[in-house]
């Protein structure tokens, strides 16, 4: 069934029935992708139960079952995806973006809508800690996004199913973590044949795959997604401690990005000024539309 999906975009289950004349009649019934994942996730669990769980190296150079699993996940994320897929550097970036969209939902109907009192996202954010994300080598950090560009090119060659038309977006900070020939920006330049300095709103790396960096003014600027919040909000102390999102925080006097995302941003959405996120959200809209 996995092979049918990556080849044709749909899998079928054979059903044998006996008609009124006592003859066997075989028909084909389409199988939903969620059902296939339910089965293959069960196989994944069975194969790793009581054994060493797949390491980063296993995901980087998958064999056998992991290779099949990886191709199915890639199809789901990047080929047959009904919604544009956004892959960020880390989990906290997703928290910021979802919070900003909830606050500014009336201005971004292409990305989010409120239906019946609930928010419905029109884009899909990848959960970094999910089994499916990790099967594609998606962990925290910009270097993993660099590796994903190569993986995208490689896996795309194995998929013959028609593409949905929805894009995959790599969203990154605009700092030394991505700058340079051997970093993400250098990889984008290699694939596009054009310079990547982080000054453009977006870069088409290859058909279906885009890079959207946090906006900056000068090529020498270094900006993280946290810089889109107002300086006053970033400098606001919490329980006598201050935010440190650039380096490892001192637990005695500082708190880090995870605490900031989960216990400050999520809880104070109604009072946060998210206007600084508009240029980034505008860039995403330009790609998905």
Protein backbone atom coordinates (compact mmCIF):
# COMPACT_ATOMS: atom_id res chain seq x y z
CA UNK A 1 0.00 0.00 0.00
CA UNK A 2 2.88 2.38 0.77
CA UNK A 3 4.31 1.71 -2.68
CA UNK A 4 0.92 2.40 -4.26
CA UNK A 5 0.72 5.74 -2.45
CA UNK A 6 4.14 7.02 -3.54
CA UNK A 7 3.53 5.74 -7.07
CA UNK A 8 -0.09 6.70 -7.72
CA UNK A 9 -1.08 8.90 -4.80
CA UNK A 10 -3.68 6.41 -3.56
CA UNK A 11 -3.72 2.84 -2.29
CA UNK A 12 -6.45 0.24 -2.71
CA UNK A 13 -7.64 -2.70 -0.68
CA UNK A 14 -9.04 -5.74 -2.53
CA UNK A 15 -12.48 -6.88 -1.40
CA UNK A 16 -13.82 -10.30 -2.37
CA UNK A 17 -17.58 -10.82 -2.30
CA UNK A 18 -19.94 -13.52 -3.52
CA UNK A 19 -22.76 -12.35 -5.76
CA UNK A 20 -26.29 -13.78 -6.08
CA UNK A 21 -25.05 -16.38 -8.58
CA UNK A 22 -22.44 -17.67 -6.12
CA UNK A 23 -19.57 -16.15 -8.09
CA UNK A 24 -16.65 -14.39 -6.41
CA UNK A 25 -16.41 -10.74 -7.35
CA UNK A 26 -13.23 -8.78 -6.55
CA UNK A 27 -13.46 -5.01 -6.21
CA UNK A 28 -10.99 -2.34 -5.14
CA UNK A 29 -11.66 0.08 -2.31
CA UNK A 30 -9.44 3.14 -1.72
CA UNK A 31 -7.64 3.19 1.64
CA UNK A 32 -7.28 6.47 3.52
CA UNK A 33 -3.74 7.62 4.25
CA UNK A 34 -4.56 7.84 7.97
CA UNK A 35 -5.44 4.16 7.92
CA UNK A 36 -2.15 3.25 6.26
CA UNK A 37 -0.24 5.30 8.82
CA UNK A 38 -2.15 3.54 11.58
CA UNK A 39 -0.87 0.21 10.27
CA UNK A 40 2.71 1.27 9.54
CA UNK A 41 3.02 3.12 12.88
CA UNK A 42 2.01 -0.15 14.55
CA UNK A 43 4.72 -1.98 12.62
CA UNK A 44 7.22 0.71 13.61
CA UNK A 45 6.31 0.27 17.27
CA UNK A 46 6.56 -3.52 17.02
CA UNK A 47 9.97 -3.42 15.37
CA UNK A 48 11.47 -1.07 17.98
CA UNK A 49 9.72 -2.43 21.10
CA UNK A 50 12.30 -3.60 23.60
CA UNK A 51 15.10 -2.78 21.18
CA UNK A 52 17.35 0.18 20.58
CA UNK A 53 15.27 3.00 19.13
CA UNK A 54 16.41 4.38 15.76
CA UNK A 55 19.28 6.83 16.13
CA UNK A 56 19.94 9.97 14.13
CA UNK A 57 22.31 7.95 11.92
CA UNK A 58 19.55 5.42 11.24
CA UNK A 59 17.29 8.19 10.02
CA UNK A 60 20.10 9.74 7.96
CA UNK A 61 20.86 6.49 6.15
CA UNK A 62 17.65 4.46 6.48
CA UNK A 63 17.39 0.88 5.33
CA UNK A 64 14.57 -1.59 4.86
CA UNK A 65 11.45 -0.69 6.80
CA UNK A 66 12.71 2.77 7.80
CA UNK A 67 13.25 3.65 4.14
CA UNK A 68 9.64 2.74 3.34
CA UNK A 69 8.39 4.66 6.37
CA UNK A 70 10.47 7.71 5.42
CA UNK A 71 9.14 7.80 1.87
CA UNK A 72 5.54 7.60 3.06
CA UNK A 73 6.11 10.45 5.54
CA UNK A 74 7.78 12.52 2.83
CA UNK A 75 4.77 11.99 0.58
CA UNK A 76 2.45 13.07 3.39
CA UNK A 77 4.47 16.18 4.30
CA UNK A 78 5.67 17.38 0.92
CA UNK A 79 3.87 15.75 -2.02
CA UNK A 80 0.29 14.83 -1.15
CA UNK A 81 -0.12 17.54 1.49
CA UNK A 82 -3.47 19.32 1.21
CA UNK A 83 -2.12 22.23 3.27
CA UNK A 84 1.22 24.02 2.94
CA UNK A 85 3.76 22.45 5.30
CA UNK A 86 5.93 24.69 7.48
CA UNK A 87 9.12 23.29 9.03
CA UNK A 88 10.78 25.57 11.58
CA UNK A 89 14.18 25.43 13.24
CA UNK A 90 12.66 24.38 16.54
CA UNK A 91 9.52 23.74 18.56
CA UNK A 92 9.37 27.21 20.13
CA UNK A 93 9.19 28.86 16.70
CA UNK A 94 5.94 27.00 16.07
CA UNK A 95 4.51 28.30 19.36
CA UNK A 96 5.36 31.89 18.39
CA UNK A 97 3.86 31.58 14.91
CA UNK A 98 0.66 29.92 16.06
CA UNK A 99 0.22 32.54 18.77
CA UNK A 100 0.85 35.40 16.33
CA UNK A 101 -1.66 33.96 13.87
CA UNK A 102 -4.32 33.58 16.56
CA UNK A 103 -3.82 37.19 17.55
CA UNK A 104 -3.83 38.46 13.95
CA UNK A 105 -6.25 35.92 12.47
CA UNK A 106 -8.54 38.53 10.90
CA UNK A 107 -5.62 39.82 8.81
CA UNK A 108 -4.41 36.41 7.61
CA UNK A 109 -7.38 34.36 6.36
CA UNK A 110 -5.05 32.46 4.02
CA UNK A 111 -3.22 31.04 7.05
CA UNK A 112 -5.86 30.78 9.76
CA UNK A 113 -9.60 31.15 10.26
CA UNK A 114 -11.87 31.14 13.27
CA UNK A 115 -14.78 28.76 12.88
CA UNK A 116 -17.34 28.20 15.62
CA UNK A 117 -15.12 29.80 18.24
CA UNK A 118 -12.15 27.59 17.31
CA UNK A 119 -9.07 28.41 15.29
CA UNK A 120 -8.45 26.37 12.14
CA UNK A 121 -4.98 26.64 10.64
CA UNK A 122 -4.70 26.69 6.86
CA UNK A 123 -1.07 25.61 7.08
CA UNK A 124 0.46 22.54 8.70
CA UNK A 125 3.26 22.87 11.25
CA UNK A 126 5.62 19.91 11.67
CA UNK A 127 6.03 18.63 15.23
CA UNK A 128 9.80 18.26 15.73
CA UNK A 129 9.40 15.56 18.36
CA UNK A 130 7.06 13.32 16.40
CA UNK A 131 8.20 9.99 15.02
CA UNK A 132 7.31 11.08 11.50
CA UNK A 133 9.37 14.27 11.65
CA UNK A 134 12.37 12.43 13.00
CA UNK A 135 12.16 9.84 10.27
CA UNK A 136 13.02 12.69 7.88
CA UNK A 137 15.87 13.90 10.09
CA UNK A 138 13.88 16.89 11.34
CA UNK A 139 15.28 17.69 14.77
CA UNK A 140 15.95 21.07 16.40
CA UNK A 141 18.54 23.28 14.72
CA UNK A 142 19.25 24.95 11.39
CA UNK A 143 21.76 22.28 10.32
CA UNK A 144 18.94 19.75 10.21
CA UNK A 145 17.09 21.97 7.75
CA UNK A 146 20.22 22.06 5.62
CA UNK A 147 20.25 18.25 5.61
CA UNK A 148 16.53 18.22 4.80
CA UNK A 149 17.16 20.13 1.56
CA UNK A 150 19.35 17.27 0.32
CA UNK A 151 16.87 14.71 1.63
CA UNK A 152 14.03 16.51 -0.19
CA UNK A 153 15.92 16.29 -3.48
CA UNK A 154 16.73 12.61 -2.95
CA UNK A 155 13.29 11.48 -1.82
CA UNK A 156 11.51 13.53 -4.45
CA UNK A 157 13.14 11.34 -7.11
CA UNK A 158 11.42 8.25 -5.69
CA UNK A 159 7.91 9.73 -5.70
CA UNK A 160 5.97 9.36 -8.93
CA UNK A 161 2.60 10.31 -7.48
CA UNK A 162 1.17 13.68 -8.59
CA UNK A 163 2.01 16.69 -6.42
CA UNK A 164 -0.84 18.41 -4.59
CA UNK A 165 0.47 21.89 -5.34
CA UNK A 166 0.83 22.86 -1.68
CA UNK A 167 4.33 24.11 -0.83
CA UNK A 168 6.83 23.06 1.83
CA UNK A 169 8.40 26.01 3.64
CA UNK A 170 11.62 26.01 5.69
CA UNK A 171 11.39 28.89 8.17
CA UNK A 172 14.63 29.98 9.84
CA UNK A 173 16.35 32.62 11.90
CA UNK A 174 18.60 34.99 9.95
CA UNK A 175 21.88 34.69 11.84
CA UNK A 176 25.27 32.96 11.84
CA UNK A 177 23.52 29.63 12.34
CA UNK A 178 22.40 29.71 8.70
CA UNK A 179 24.91 32.05 7.05
CA UNK A 180 27.95 30.80 5.18
CA UNK A 181 28.89 28.43 2.37
CA UNK A 182 28.60 25.32 4.55
CA UNK A 183 25.37 26.38 6.24
CA UNK A 184 21.74 26.50 5.11
CA UNK A 185 22.09 29.71 3.07
CA UNK A 186 25.07 28.24 1.25
CA UNK A 187 23.09 25.10 0.47
CA UNK A 188 20.21 27.18 -0.91
CA UNK A 189 22.68 29.10 -3.09
CA UNK A 190 24.10 25.80 -4.35
CA UNK A 191 20.70 24.52 -5.45
CA UNK A 192 19.45 27.79 -6.92
CA UNK A 193 22.68 28.98 -8.47
CA UNK A 194 22.00 32.42 -6.98
CA UNK A 195 23.27 34.17 -3.82
CA UNK A 196 21.28 33.69 -0.63
CA UNK A 197 21.92 36.52 1.81
CA UNK A 198 18.64 36.47 3.75
CA UNK A 199 17.48 39.83 2.41
CA UNK A 200 14.71 38.47 0.21
CA UNK A 201 11.30 37.53 1.60
CA UNK A 202 11.62 34.00 0.26
CA UNK A 203 13.75 31.73 -1.91
CA UNK A 204 12.50 28.92 -4.14
CA UNK A 205 15.07 26.18 -3.56
CA UNK A 206 13.48 23.71 -5.97
CA UNK A 207 9.91 23.06 -7.15
CA UNK A 208 7.69 22.83 -4.08
CA UNK A 209 10.39 23.75 -1.53
CA UNK A 210 10.94 27.29 -0.24
CA UNK A 211 13.06 29.08 2.33
CA UNK A 212 11.51 31.93 4.32
CA UNK A 213 13.99 33.63 6.66
CA UNK A 214 13.10 36.01 9.49
CA UNK A 215 13.23 39.46 7.81
CA UNK A 216 16.28 41.69 8.23
CA UNK A 217 17.44 45.03 6.81
CA UNK A 218 21.17 44.57 6.11
CA UNK A 219 23.14 41.51 5.03
CA UNK A 220 25.28 41.79 8.15
CA UNK A 221 22.30 41.86 10.51
CA UNK A 222 21.61 38.88 12.74
CA UNK A 223 18.02 38.37 13.78
CA UNK A 224 16.22 35.54 15.51
CA UNK A 225 12.47 35.02 15.45
CA UNK A 226 12.32 36.27 19.05
CA UNK A 227 13.43 39.70 17.79
CA UNK A 228 9.98 40.09 16.23
CA UNK A 229 8.53 40.66 19.68
CA UNK A 230 8.77 44.19 21.07
CA UNK A 231 11.92 44.98 23.12
CA UNK A 232 9.70 45.82 26.09
CA UNK A 233 8.09 42.38 26.02
CA UNK A 234 11.41 40.57 25.62
CA UNK A 235 12.85 42.51 28.54
CA UNK A 236 9.91 41.84 30.84
CA UNK A 237 11.12 39.95 33.95
CA UNK A 238 9.28 36.81 35.03
CA UNK A 239 9.54 35.79 38.68
CA UNK A 240 12.68 37.88 38.98
CA UNK A 241 14.37 36.27 35.99
CA UNK A 242 15.10 37.61 32.50
CA UNK A 243 14.86 35.96 29.08
CA UNK A 244 18.01 34.62 27.43
CA UNK A 245 17.23 33.19 24.00
CA UNK A 246 20.72 33.51 22.52
CA UNK A 247 22.77 31.24 24.77
CA UNK A 248 22.21 28.64 27.46
CA UNK A 249 20.42 30.48 30.28
CA UNK A 250 21.73 30.72 33.84
CA UNK A 251 18.93 28.99 35.81
CA UNK A 252 19.48 31.27 38.78
CA UNK A 253 18.84 34.52 36.94
CA UNK A 254 17.50 33.63 33.50
CA UNK A 255 14.91 31.54 31.66
CA UNK A 256 15.18 30.14 28.15
CA UNK A 257 13.10 29.88 24.99
CA UNK A 258 11.05 26.87 26.08
CA UNK A 259 9.80 28.54 29.25
CA UNK A 260 9.24 31.78 27.34
CA UNK A 261 7.15 30.02 24.69
CA UNK A 262 5.08 27.80 27.01
CA UNK A 263 4.59 29.96 30.08
CA UNK A 264 4.80 33.52 28.76
CA UNK A 265 3.76 33.70 25.09
CA UNK A 266 0.99 31.08 25.25
CA UNK A 267 -0.54 32.56 28.38
CA UNK A 268 -0.33 36.23 27.38
CA UNK A 269 -1.50 36.07 23.74
CA UNK A 270 -4.31 38.55 24.35
CA UNK A 271 -1.94 41.26 25.59
CA UNK A 272 1.05 40.71 23.29
CA UNK A 273 1.78 43.06 20.39
CA UNK A 274 2.46 40.74 17.42
CA UNK A 275 2.78 43.47 14.78
CA UNK A 276 6.48 42.66 14.40
CA UNK A 277 5.51 39.27 12.96
CA UNK A 278 3.59 40.77 10.04
CA UNK A 279 6.49 40.94 7.54
CA UNK A 280 7.25 37.26 8.20
CA UNK A 281 3.59 36.25 7.90
CA UNK A 282 3.27 38.32 4.72
CA UNK A 283 6.22 36.40 3.26
CA UNK A 284 4.55 33.08 4.08
CA UNK A 285 1.27 34.22 2.49
CA UNK A 286 3.13 35.21 -0.68
CA UNK A 287 4.54 31.67 -0.95
CA UNK A 288 1.35 29.73 -0.19
CA UNK A 289 -0.85 31.80 -2.48
